[in-house]
Amino acid sequence: MVYNLLITEKAAGQIDQLTDYLVNTLKNPDAALHFLDELDSIYQRFKTNPFQFPKASDLFLPDKEYREAILLKMSYRVIFRIEEKTVYIICVFHTLEDCLG
């Protein structure tokens, strides 16, 4: 089964902010490209089997059926939920921050 991917406005904004921070604040466009490549790799895995990822470790999220994927090389978390054939990307943030951050 192939799952559809829907990126929420919040997650899209976070991705834009992270990319902007890497490019303009840290002056590291290579890191931004690496981040986007890692994110795309996770997205491809979501499309084929999103259930391979564990339920979110945050104390408030597991009861709501949220799951998480970690971009290990860059320490970013992707929080998502699965509804029927769609994976909803809820937020993308650094592991030292929180989703609301």
N, C-alpha and C. Protein backbone atom coordinates (compact mmCIF):
# COMPACT_ATOMS: atom_id res chain seq x y z
N MET A 1 0.84 -1.18 0.00
CA MET A 1 0.00 0.00 0.00
C MET A 1 0.88 1.24 0.00
N VAL A 2 0.52 2.21 -0.80
CA VAL A 2 1.23 3.47 -0.84
C VAL A 2 0.39 4.51 -0.10
N TYR A 3 1.04 5.22 0.83
CA TYR A 3 0.37 6.25 1.63
C TYR A 3 0.59 7.62 1.00
N ASN A 4 -0.43 8.45 1.12
CA ASN A 4 -0.31 9.85 0.71
C ASN A 4 0.39 10.61 1.82
N LEU A 5 1.03 11.70 1.48
CA LEU A 5 1.75 12.51 2.45
C LEU A 5 1.15 13.92 2.44
N LEU A 6 0.79 14.40 3.62
CA LEU A 6 0.25 15.76 3.75
C LEU A 6 1.06 16.49 4.82
N ILE A 7 1.69 17.57 4.42
CA ILE A 7 2.50 18.37 5.34
C ILE A 7 1.64 19.53 5.83
N THR A 8 1.42 19.60 7.15
CA THR A 8 0.60 20.67 7.70
C THR A 8 1.30 22.02 7.54
N GLU A 9 0.52 23.10 7.66
CA GLU A 9 1.10 24.44 7.57
C GLU A 9 2.16 24.65 8.63
N LYS A 10 1.88 24.16 9.84
CA LYS A 10 2.84 24.29 10.93
C LYS A 10 4.16 23.62 10.57
N ALA A 11 4.10 22.38 10.10
CA ALA A 11 5.32 21.65 9.74
C ALA A 11 6.05 22.33 8.59
N ALA A 12 5.31 22.79 7.59
CA ALA A 12 5.94 23.48 6.45
C ALA A 12 6.66 24.74 6.93
N GLY A 13 6.04 25.47 7.85
CA GLY A 13 6.67 26.67 8.41
C GLY A 13 7.93 26.33 9.18
N GLN A 14 7.88 25.25 9.95
CA GLN A 14 9.06 24.82 10.71
C GLN A 14 10.19 24.42 9.77
N ILE A 15 9.86 23.71 8.71
CA ILE A 15 10.88 23.31 7.73
C ILE A 15 11.51 24.54 7.09
N ASP A 16 10.69 25.51 6.73
CA ASP A 16 11.21 26.76 6.16
C ASP A 16 12.13 27.48 7.14
N GLN A 17 11.71 27.56 8.42
CA GLN A 17 12.52 28.24 9.43
C GLN A 17 13.85 27.51 9.65
N LEU A 18 13.80 26.19 9.73
CA LEU A 18 15.04 25.42 9.92
C LEU A 18 15.99 25.61 8.75
N THR A 19 15.45 25.55 7.54
CA THR A 19 16.28 25.73 6.35
C THR A 19 16.87 27.13 6.31
N ASP A 20 16.05 28.13 6.62
CA ASP A 20 16.52 29.51 6.66
C ASP A 20 17.63 29.68 7.71
N TYR A 21 17.45 29.08 8.86
CA TYR A 21 18.44 29.17 9.92
C TYR A 21 19.77 28.56 9.47
N LEU A 22 19.72 27.39 8.86
CA LEU A 22 20.94 26.73 8.41
C LEU A 22 21.65 27.54 7.32
N VAL A 23 20.88 28.09 6.39
CA VAL A 23 21.47 28.83 5.27
C VAL A 23 21.92 30.23 5.68
N ASN A 24 21.04 30.99 6.32
CA ASN A 24 21.32 32.41 6.56
C ASN A 24 21.98 32.72 7.89
N THR A 25 21.65 31.99 8.94
CA THR A 25 22.26 32.26 10.24
C THR A 25 23.59 31.53 10.39
N LEU A 26 23.56 30.23 10.10
CA LEU A 26 24.80 29.45 10.22
C LEU A 26 25.68 29.52 8.97
N LYS A 27 25.12 30.10 7.90
CA LYS A 27 25.86 30.23 6.63
C LYS A 27 26.36 28.86 6.15
N ASN A 28 25.44 27.87 6.23
CA ASN A 28 25.81 26.50 5.87
C ASN A 28 24.76 25.88 4.94
N PRO A 29 24.78 26.29 3.67
CA PRO A 29 23.80 25.74 2.74
C PRO A 29 23.93 24.22 2.55
N ASP A 30 25.14 23.68 2.74
CA ASP A 30 25.32 22.23 2.63
C ASP A 30 24.52 21.51 3.72
N ALA A 31 24.52 22.07 4.92
CA ALA A 31 23.74 21.47 6.02
C ALA A 31 22.25 21.53 5.69
N ALA A 32 21.80 22.62 5.09
CA ALA A 32 20.39 22.75 4.71
C ALA A 32 20.02 21.69 3.67
N LEU A 33 20.89 21.49 2.69
CA LEU A 33 20.64 20.46 1.68
C LEU A 33 20.63 19.07 2.30
N HIS A 34 21.55 18.84 3.21
CA HIS A 34 21.60 17.55 3.90
C HIS A 34 20.31 17.32 4.70
N PHE A 35 19.85 18.35 5.40
CA PHE A 35 18.61 18.28 6.16
C PHE A 35 17.44 17.92 5.24
N LEU A 36 17.33 18.62 4.12
CA LEU A 36 16.22 18.36 3.19
C LEU A 36 16.31 16.97 2.56
N ASP A 37 17.53 16.51 2.28
CA ASP A 37 17.71 15.15 1.75
C ASP A 37 17.28 14.10 2.77
N GLU A 38 17.69 14.29 4.03
CA GLU A 38 17.31 13.36 5.09
C GLU A 38 15.79 13.35 5.28
N LEU A 39 15.20 14.53 5.23
CA LEU A 39 13.75 14.65 5.38
C LEU A 39 13.04 13.93 4.23
N ASP A 40 13.54 14.10 3.03
CA ASP A 40 12.94 13.43 1.88
C ASP A 40 13.05 11.90 2.01
N SER A 41 14.16 11.44 2.54
CA SER A 41 14.35 10.01 2.75
C SER A 41 13.31 9.47 3.74
N ILE A 42 13.05 10.21 4.80
CA ILE A 42 12.02 9.82 5.77
C ILE A 42 10.65 9.82 5.09
N TYR A 43 10.39 10.85 4.29
CA TYR A 43 9.09 10.93 3.60
C TYR A 43 8.86 9.70 2.71
N GLN A 44 9.91 9.26 2.03
CA GLN A 44 9.77 8.07 1.18
C GLN A 44 9.43 6.84 2.01
N ARG A 45 10.02 6.75 3.18
CA ARG A 45 9.70 5.62 4.07
C ARG A 45 8.27 5.72 4.58
N PHE A 46 7.79 6.94 4.84
CA PHE A 46 6.40 7.12 5.27
C PHE A 46 5.45 6.59 4.20
N LYS A 47 5.78 6.84 2.95
CA LYS A 47 4.88 6.45 1.85
C LYS A 47 4.73 4.95 1.72
N THR A 48 5.76 4.20 2.11
CA THR A 48 5.69 2.75 1.95
C THR A 48 5.28 2.02 3.22
N ASN A 49 5.73 2.50 4.39
CA ASN A 49 5.38 1.82 5.63
C ASN A 49 5.56 2.75 6.83
N PRO A 50 4.62 3.64 7.07
CA PRO A 50 4.77 4.56 8.20
C PRO A 50 4.71 3.87 9.56
N PHE A 51 4.20 2.65 9.61
CA PHE A 51 4.09 1.94 10.88
C PHE A 51 5.43 1.39 11.37
N GLN A 52 6.47 1.53 10.56
CA GLN A 52 7.80 1.10 10.99
C GLN A 52 8.37 2.02 12.06
N PHE A 53 7.77 3.19 12.23
CA PHE A 53 8.25 4.17 13.21
C PHE A 53 7.47 4.02 14.52
N PRO A 54 8.15 4.24 15.64
CA PRO A 54 7.49 4.05 16.93
C PRO A 54 6.52 5.19 17.27
N LYS A 55 5.67 4.89 18.24
CA LYS A 55 4.81 5.95 18.77
C LYS A 55 5.70 7.00 19.40
N ALA A 56 5.23 8.24 19.37
CA ALA A 56 6.03 9.36 19.88
C ALA A 56 6.36 9.17 21.35
N SER A 57 7.56 9.52 21.74
CA SER A 57 8.02 9.33 23.11
C SER A 57 7.57 10.44 24.05
N ASP A 58 7.08 11.52 23.51
CA ASP A 58 6.58 12.63 24.33
C ASP A 58 5.44 12.11 25.21
N LEU A 59 5.42 12.54 26.45
CA LEU A 59 4.42 12.04 27.41
C LEU A 59 2.98 12.27 26.97
N PHE A 60 2.72 13.32 26.21
CA PHE A 60 1.35 13.66 25.84
C PHE A 60 0.95 13.10 24.48
N LEU A 61 1.90 12.69 23.67
CA LEU A 61 1.59 12.29 22.30
C LEU A 61 1.18 10.83 22.09
N PRO A 62 1.72 9.85 22.83
CA PRO A 62 1.37 8.46 22.51
C PRO A 62 -0.13 8.16 22.58
N ASP A 63 -0.81 8.76 23.54
CA ASP A 63 -2.25 8.52 23.67
C ASP A 63 -3.03 9.05 22.48
N LYS A 64 -2.44 9.93 21.73
CA LYS A 64 -3.10 10.52 20.57
C LYS A 64 -2.68 9.85 19.27
N GLU A 65 -1.97 8.72 19.39
CA GLU A 65 -1.55 7.94 18.23
C GLU A 65 -0.57 8.67 17.31
N TYR A 66 0.20 9.59 17.87
CA TYR A 66 1.25 10.23 17.09
C TYR A 66 2.47 9.33 17.07
N ARG A 67 3.20 9.38 15.98
CA ARG A 67 4.44 8.63 15.83
C ARG A 67 5.56 9.61 15.55
N GLU A 68 6.79 9.11 15.65
CA GLU A 68 7.93 9.99 15.40
C GLU A 68 9.01 9.28 14.61
N ALA A 69 9.69 10.07 13.82
CA ALA A 69 10.87 9.61 13.09
C ALA A 69 11.99 10.58 13.44
N ILE A 70 13.18 10.03 13.59
CA ILE A 70 14.34 10.85 13.93
C ILE A 70 15.29 10.91 12.75
N LEU A 71 15.69 12.12 12.39
CA LEU A 71 16.75 12.29 11.40
C LEU A 71 18.06 12.20 12.19
N LEU A 72 18.59 11.01 12.30
CA LEU A 72 19.68 10.73 13.23
C LEU A 72 20.92 11.58 13.02
N LYS A 73 21.31 11.77 11.80
CA LYS A 73 22.55 12.51 11.53
C LYS A 73 22.44 13.99 11.88
N MET A 74 21.21 14.49 12.01
CA MET A 74 21.04 15.91 12.27
C MET A 74 20.22 16.19 13.53
N SER A 75 19.77 15.18 14.21
CA SER A 75 19.03 15.32 15.47
C SER A 75 17.74 16.12 15.35
N TYR A 76 16.98 15.83 14.32
CA TYR A 76 15.66 16.44 14.16
C TYR A 76 14.59 15.36 14.30
N ARG A 77 13.45 15.75 14.82
CA ARG A 77 12.31 14.84 14.98
C ARG A 77 11.20 15.24 14.03
N VAL A 78 10.51 14.25 13.50
CA VAL A 78 9.33 14.47 12.68
C VAL A 78 8.18 13.77 13.40
N ILE A 79 7.18 14.54 13.79
CA ILE A 79 6.00 13.99 14.45
C ILE A 79 4.90 13.88 13.40
N PHE A 80 4.26 12.71 13.36
CA PHE A 80 3.22 12.51 12.34
C PHE A 80 2.13 11.59 12.88
N ARG A 81 1.03 11.56 12.16
CA ARG A 81 -0.03 10.62 12.48
C ARG A 81 -0.53 9.99 11.19
N ILE A 82 -1.13 8.84 11.31
CA ILE A 82 -1.61 8.10 10.16
C ILE A 82 -3.13 7.99 10.26
N GLU A 83 -3.79 8.40 9.20
CA GLU A 83 -5.24 8.25 9.12
C GLU A 83 -5.56 7.61 7.78
N GLU A 84 -6.06 6.40 7.84
CA GLU A 84 -6.38 5.62 6.65
C GLU A 84 -5.16 5.54 5.73
N LYS A 85 -5.20 6.16 4.57
CA LYS A 85 -4.08 6.07 3.62
C LYS A 85 -3.24 7.35 3.56
N THR A 86 -3.37 8.20 4.59
CA THR A 86 -2.65 9.47 4.58
C THR A 86 -1.78 9.61 5.82
N VAL A 87 -0.55 10.05 5.61
CA VAL A 87 0.38 10.38 6.69
C VAL A 87 0.40 11.90 6.80
N TYR A 88 0.01 12.40 7.97
CA TYR A 88 0.00 13.85 8.22
C TYR A 88 1.26 14.22 9.00
N ILE A 89 2.08 15.09 8.41
CA ILE A 89 3.28 15.58 9.09
C ILE A 89 2.83 16.74 9.98
N ILE A 90 2.97 16.55 11.28
CA ILE A 90 2.48 17.54 12.24
C ILE A 90 3.53 18.59 12.56
N CYS A 91 4.75 18.16 12.84
CA CYS A 91 5.80 19.13 13.13
C CYS A 91 7.19 18.51 12.90
N VAL A 92 8.15 19.39 12.68
CA VAL A 92 9.55 19.02 12.45
C VAL A 92 10.39 19.98 13.28
N PHE A 93 11.22 19.42 14.17
CA PHE A 93 11.97 20.29 15.10
C PHE A 93 13.21 19.57 15.62
N HIS A 94 14.13 20.34 16.18
CA HIS A 94 15.36 19.78 16.74
C HIS A 94 15.04 19.02 18.01
N THR A 95 15.78 17.97 18.29
CA THR A 95 15.50 17.13 19.45
C THR A 95 15.66 17.88 20.78
N LEU A 96 16.36 19.00 20.80
CA LEU A 96 16.49 19.80 22.02
C LEU A 96 15.31 20.75 22.22
N GLU A 97 14.41 20.79 21.25
CA GLU A 97 13.23 21.66 21.33
C GLU A 97 11.99 20.79 21.49
N ASP A 98 10.83 21.43 21.48
CA ASP A 98 9.60 20.67 21.48
C ASP A 98 8.76 21.09 20.27
N CYS A 99 7.72 20.36 20.03
CA CYS A 99 6.88 20.57 18.84
C CYS A 99 6.27 21.97 18.82
N LEU A 100 5.96 22.49 20.00
CA LEU A 100 5.34 23.81 20.07
C LEU A 100 6.35 24.92 19.88
N GLY A 101 7.64 24.61 20.12
CA GLY A 101 8.74 25.52 20.12
C GLY A 101 8.79 26.53 19.08
